Amino acid sequence: MNVNFAEISKTLRERRRELGVSQADLARLSGLSLHGLSDIETGKGNPTMETLLKVLQVLGLQILLKTTALPAYTNAAEGSQES
C-alpha cells in the first residue's frame, strides 16, 4: 500500500489552522493526547485508521481511496479463467 502520510499530515495541519483550532482543542475533540496529535501532524506518528478518522471527522475532512489492480494480479487473473 502506498500511502503518503506526509501529505495527510500536511493537510490535517493546514485544515486545523484554517479553522482556527488549536492543537490542544483538536486533540481533546478527537479523544487524543496533545503529544499524539502533534506526532500525527508532524508525520512522526503512525495512527490507526480509527484514530485518523476521528481527527478527520472533527476537521470535516474525508479520505477517498482509489484502488487499482497490480500488474502481476491482473495477469494472473486473466490466465486463470475457469471453464
Protein backbone atom coordinates (compact mmCIF):
# COMPACT_ATOMS: atom_id res chain seq x y z
CA MET A 1 0.00 0.00 0.00
CA ASN A 2 1.39 3.35 -0.99
CA VAL A 3 0.09 5.97 1.46
CA ASN A 4 1.58 9.44 1.56
CA PHE A 5 1.44 10.17 5.30
CA ALA A 6 3.43 13.37 4.84
CA GLU A 7 0.68 14.73 2.60
CA ILE A 8 -2.05 13.62 5.02
CA SER A 9 -0.20 15.25 7.93
CA LYS A 10 0.22 18.48 5.99
CA THR A 11 -3.47 18.54 5.04
CA LEU A 12 -4.58 17.96 8.64
CA ARG A 13 -2.33 20.72 9.96
CA GLU A 14 -3.43 23.20 7.27
CA ARG A 15 -7.13 22.45 7.81
CA ARG A 16 -6.79 22.84 11.59
CA ARG A 17 -5.15 26.23 11.07
CA GLU A 18 -7.83 27.28 8.53
CA LEU A 19 -10.49 26.57 11.13
CA GLY A 20 -8.58 28.43 13.84
CA VAL A 21 -8.49 25.38 16.09
CA SER A 22 -5.57 24.85 18.46
CA GLN A 23 -3.78 21.54 18.65
CA ALA A 24 -4.98 21.18 22.23
CA ASP A 25 -8.62 21.68 21.21
CA LEU A 26 -8.37 19.29 18.26
CA ALA A 27 -6.70 16.67 20.44
CA ARG A 28 -9.47 16.99 23.04
CA LEU A 29 -12.27 16.87 20.46
CA SER A 30 -10.66 13.85 18.78
CA GLY A 31 -10.01 12.00 22.01
CA LEU A 32 -6.24 12.08 21.55
CA SER A 33 -3.37 13.27 23.65
CA LEU A 34 -1.73 16.50 22.58
CA HIS A 35 1.51 14.60 22.01
CA GLY A 36 -0.29 12.03 19.84
CA LEU A 37 -1.90 14.70 17.68
CA SER A 38 1.39 16.56 17.36
CA ASP A 39 3.08 13.37 16.17
CA ILE A 40 0.38 12.87 13.54
CA GLU A 41 0.65 16.47 12.30
CA THR A 42 4.43 16.30 12.03
CA GLY A 43 4.42 12.91 10.30
CA LYS A 44 6.14 11.19 13.22
CA GLY A 45 3.08 9.23 14.29
CA ASN A 46 1.61 6.11 12.75
CA PRO A 47 -2.07 6.45 13.61
CA THR A 48 -4.57 3.66 13.23
CA MET A 49 -7.31 4.20 10.68
CA GLU A 50 -9.76 4.66 13.55
CA THR A 51 -7.65 7.44 15.07
CA LEU A 52 -7.16 9.13 11.73
CA LEU A 53 -10.89 9.01 11.03
CA LYS A 54 -11.65 10.68 14.39
CA VAL A 55 -9.37 13.60 13.54
CA LEU A 56 -10.74 13.85 10.00
CA GLN A 57 -14.31 13.90 11.29
CA VAL A 58 -13.61 16.78 13.68
CA LEU A 59 -11.94 18.72 10.84
CA GLY A 60 -14.76 17.98 8.38
CA LEU A 61 -12.47 16.02 6.07
CA GLN A 62 -12.64 12.59 4.48
CA ILE A 63 -10.22 10.23 2.78
CA LEU A 64 -11.03 8.98 -0.69
CA LEU A 65 -9.43 5.66 -1.58
CA LYS A 66 -8.57 4.68 -5.09
CA THR A 67 -7.98 1.02 -5.80
CA THR A 68 -6.00 -0.23 -8.75
CA ALA A 69 -5.05 -3.74 -9.78
CA LEU A 70 -1.37 -4.54 -9.67
CA PRO A 71 0.00 -5.82 -13.00
CA ALA A 72 1.00 -9.22 -11.56
CA TYR A 73 -2.50 -9.79 -10.21
CA THR A 74 -4.15 -8.59 -13.41
CA ASN A 75 -2.12 -11.05 -15.49
CA ALA A 76 -2.77 -13.89 -13.05
CA ALA A 77 -6.50 -13.22 -13.13
CA GLU A 78 -6.54 -13.21 -16.93
CA GLY A 79 -4.67 -16.51 -17.10
CA SER A 80 -6.84 -18.34 -14.59
CA GLN A 81 -10.20 -18.20 -16.29
CA GLU A 82 -12.48 -21.03 -15.18
CA SER A 83 -14.50 -23.09 -17.65
